[in-house]
Amino acid sequence: MKPDFSRIIEYLSQKGKSNLFVAIGILGIFLIFISDMGAGNKTDIKAGEEQSLYQYKVRLEKEITDLLGEIDGVGEVKVMITLESGEENVYVHQEKTASDTHRQQGQNNSQEEVKITSENEIVIIDKSGSNSALVEKTLQPVVQGVAVVCSGADDIKVVSAVTNSVSVVLGVPTHKICVTKKR
């Protein structure tokens, strides 16, 4: 069923130009309203990033828990990891350099002035109708600290093995790893 715009056009032409401007204004407001409905996706993306960060943290904690459970004497273990920040993208940059040389000659001397300008821009690509920056690499969240609670933490050898294992696997300095006995 097609809308019949001929009646609307006929009505507006009878009433004059002022009604035409009102109708165009109403149409403009309607279009703005429709375009704002798509803006809600930004918060959905942010929530998705937070969910992804949480899933990454949970997966990391499970993998470390499983690993530490295999160490002799550790016993029952629980791991908590804190992250500094979320995932970070590093974008491809393109550097543009230009030089401009000016020569001035006087009666007894000659001067040369060289002016070099440089611009550094992020490379933008067109993906299916939308522009986005070209990602060079994605950095995983940085681990800020690790707490390990295990039943075998009363043995200094177990504490050392747990601390060293976590430090090697996550790349965290040993002073940011806490190993304590489970009650």
Protein backbone atom coordinates (compact mmCIF):
# COMPACT_ATOMS: atom_id res chain seq x y z
CA MET A 1 0.00 0.00 0.00
CA LYS A 2 1.64 3.26 -1.16
CA PRO A 3 0.97 6.49 0.70
CA ASP A 4 -0.91 9.06 -1.35
CA PHE A 5 1.23 12.21 -1.25
CA SER A 6 -0.82 13.94 -3.96
CA ARG A 7 -3.52 14.93 -1.44
CA ILE A 8 -0.94 16.35 0.94
CA ILE A 9 0.72 18.37 -1.84
CA GLU A 10 -2.67 19.64 -3.05
CA TYR A 11 -3.65 20.72 0.48
CA LEU A 12 -0.35 22.52 1.04
CA SER A 13 -0.55 24.35 -2.29
CA GLN A 14 -4.05 25.62 -1.40
CA LYS A 15 -3.03 26.92 2.03
CA GLY A 16 0.05 28.82 0.91
CA LYS A 17 3.79 28.78 1.41
CA SER A 18 3.70 29.19 5.19
CA ASN A 19 2.05 25.80 5.60
CA LEU A 20 4.64 24.30 3.27
CA PHE A 21 7.41 25.53 5.59
CA VAL A 22 5.58 24.15 8.61
CA ALA A 23 5.23 20.77 6.91
CA ILE A 24 8.93 20.74 5.98
CA GLY A 25 9.80 21.65 9.58
CA ILE A 26 7.68 18.81 10.94
CA LEU A 27 9.27 16.41 8.46
CA GLY A 28 12.73 17.59 9.59
CA ILE A 29 11.88 17.02 13.26
CA PHE A 30 10.56 13.58 12.40
CA LEU A 31 13.81 12.70 10.60
CA ILE A 32 15.89 13.92 13.55
CA PHE A 33 13.78 11.81 15.90
CA ILE A 34 14.27 8.73 13.72
CA SER A 35 18.04 9.27 13.52
CA ASP A 36 18.31 9.57 17.32
CA MET A 37 16.73 6.15 17.72
CA GLY A 38 19.91 4.56 16.31
CA ALA A 39 22.14 6.44 18.79
CA GLY A 40 21.27 3.97 21.55
CA ASN A 41 23.75 1.50 20.09
CA LYS A 42 26.68 3.44 21.61
CA THR A 43 25.70 2.46 25.14
CA ASP A 44 25.12 -1.10 23.96
CA ILE A 45 28.69 -1.18 22.61
CA LYS A 46 30.08 0.13 25.91
CA ALA A 47 28.10 -2.50 27.85
CA GLY A 48 29.40 -5.14 25.43
CA GLU A 49 32.98 -4.02 26.04
CA GLU A 50 32.49 -4.24 29.82
CA GLN A 51 30.94 -7.70 29.42
CA SER A 52 33.86 -8.76 27.24
CA LEU A 53 36.35 -7.44 29.82
CA TYR A 54 34.54 -9.35 32.57
CA GLN A 55 34.56 -12.54 30.47
CA TYR A 56 38.30 -12.10 29.81
CA LYS A 57 38.95 -11.68 33.56
CA VAL A 58 36.86 -14.75 34.49
CA ARG A 59 38.56 -16.88 31.82
CA LEU A 60 42.00 -15.79 33.01
CA GLU A 61 41.14 -16.55 36.64
CA LYS A 62 39.86 -20.02 35.68
CA GLU A 63 42.99 -20.82 33.67
CA ILE A 64 45.29 -19.72 36.51
CA THR A 65 43.17 -21.64 39.06
CA ASP A 66 43.43 -24.80 36.93
CA LEU A 67 47.19 -24.34 36.53
CA LEU A 68 47.83 -23.74 40.22
CA GLY A 69 45.65 -26.73 41.15
CA GLU A 70 48.18 -28.93 39.36
CA ILE A 71 51.10 -27.80 41.56
CA ASP A 72 52.00 -30.32 44.29
CA GLY A 73 50.89 -29.21 47.75
CA VAL A 74 48.68 -26.30 46.67
CA GLY A 75 45.41 -28.05 47.48
CA GLU A 76 42.16 -26.13 47.07
CA VAL A 77 42.77 -22.79 45.33
CA LYS A 78 40.92 -19.61 44.46
CA VAL A 79 42.32 -16.78 42.29
CA MET A 80 41.28 -13.15 41.91
CA ILE A 81 42.79 -10.90 39.22
CA THR A 82 42.47 -7.14 38.95
CA LEU A 83 42.95 -5.41 35.61
CA GLU A 84 44.27 -1.87 35.07
CA SER A 85 42.19 -1.07 32.02
CA GLY A 86 40.28 -2.62 29.16
CA GLU A 87 41.41 -3.80 25.76
CA GLU A 88 43.34 -1.15 23.82
CA ASN A 89 43.63 -0.73 20.05
CA VAL A 90 46.78 0.60 18.39
CA TYR A 91 45.96 2.25 15.08
CA VAL A 92 48.03 2.46 11.90
CA HIS A 93 49.52 5.92 11.39
CA GLN A 94 50.64 7.48 8.14
CA GLU A 95 53.30 10.19 8.29
CA LYS A 96 53.41 12.88 5.64
CA THR A 97 56.54 15.02 5.37
CA ALA A 98 57.08 18.02 3.13
CA SER A 99 60.05 20.34 2.75
CA ASP A 100 60.15 23.82 1.34
CA THR A 101 63.43 25.51 0.38
CA HIS A 102 63.83 29.27 -0.05
CA ARG A 103 67.00 30.87 -1.42
CA GLN A 104 67.85 34.51 -1.03
CA GLN A 105 70.77 36.03 -2.81
CA GLY A 106 72.24 39.34 -1.90
CA GLN A 107 75.16 41.22 -3.37
CA ASN A 108 77.83 39.47 -1.29
CA ASN A 109 76.12 36.43 0.21
CA SER A 110 73.54 33.72 -0.40
CA GLN A 111 71.13 32.30 2.22
CA GLU A 112 69.15 29.12 2.06
CA GLU A 113 66.20 28.43 4.36
CA VAL A 114 64.72 24.94 4.59
CA LYS A 115 61.30 24.49 6.19
CA ILE A 116 60.19 20.92 6.97
CA THR A 117 56.59 20.14 7.93
CA SER A 118 55.34 16.80 9.17
CA GLU A 119 51.83 15.42 9.73
CA ASN A 120 50.88 12.18 11.43
CA GLU A 121 47.40 10.87 10.57
CA ILE A 122 45.46 7.74 11.48
CA VAL A 123 44.64 5.60 8.43
CA ILE A 124 40.87 5.44 7.82
CA ILE A 125 39.27 2.65 5.78
CA ASP A 126 35.78 2.34 4.32
CA LYS A 127 34.01 -0.82 5.49
CA SER A 128 30.59 -1.40 4.02
CA GLY A 129 29.55 2.24 4.01
CA SER A 130 31.11 3.33 7.33
CA ASN A 131 34.54 4.74 7.98
CA SER A 132 36.72 3.23 10.68
CA ALA A 133 40.35 3.46 11.75
CA LEU A 134 42.69 0.68 10.62
CA VAL A 135 43.76 -1.32 13.69
CA GLU A 136 47.42 -2.36 13.74
CA LYS A 137 47.13 -4.51 16.87
CA THR A 138 44.95 -4.99 19.93
CA LEU A 139 46.59 -5.00 23.35
CA GLN A 140 45.05 -7.20 26.01
CA PRO A 141 44.18 -5.63 29.38
CA VAL A 142 47.12 -5.18 31.74
CA VAL A 143 47.01 -7.25 34.94
CA GLN A 144 47.40 -4.96 37.95
CA GLY A 145 47.54 -7.58 40.71
CA VAL A 146 46.75 -11.17 41.64
CA ALA A 147 45.47 -12.64 44.91
CA VAL A 148 45.74 -16.39 45.43
CA VAL A 149 44.11 -18.18 48.35
CA CYS A 150 45.10 -21.82 48.75
CA SER A 151 45.11 -24.45 51.48
CA GLY A 152 48.82 -25.23 50.99
CA ALA A 153 50.06 -21.66 51.57
CA ASP A 154 51.54 -22.55 54.98
CA ASP A 155 54.49 -24.16 53.11
CA ILE A 156 57.04 -21.62 51.83
CA LYS A 157 57.91 -23.87 48.86
CA VAL A 158 54.26 -23.88 47.73
CA VAL A 159 54.01 -20.09 48.12
CA SER A 160 57.19 -19.66 46.07
CA ALA A 161 55.99 -22.05 43.35
CA VAL A 162 52.59 -20.31 43.15
CA THR A 163 54.14 -16.83 43.07
CA ASN A 164 56.65 -17.78 40.37
CA SER A 165 54.03 -19.56 38.25
CA VAL A 166 51.63 -16.61 38.32
CA SER A 167 54.47 -14.16 37.63
CA VAL A 168 55.70 -16.10 34.60
CA VAL A 169 52.27 -16.80 33.09
CA LEU A 170 50.82 -13.28 33.52
CA GLY A 171 54.02 -11.24 33.33
CA VAL A 172 53.25 -9.64 36.69
CA PRO A 173 56.08 -8.69 39.07
CA THR A 174 56.16 -10.86 42.21
CA HIS A 175 55.47 -7.89 44.51
CA LYS A 176 51.99 -7.62 42.90
CA ILE A 177 51.11 -11.23 43.76
CA CYS A 178 49.68 -12.13 47.14
CA VAL A 179 49.49 -15.80 48.23
CA THR A 180 47.70 -16.55 51.47
CA LYS A 181 46.37 -19.59 53.34
CA LYS A 182 42.76 -20.63 52.96
CA ARG A 183 40.87 -21.13 56.22
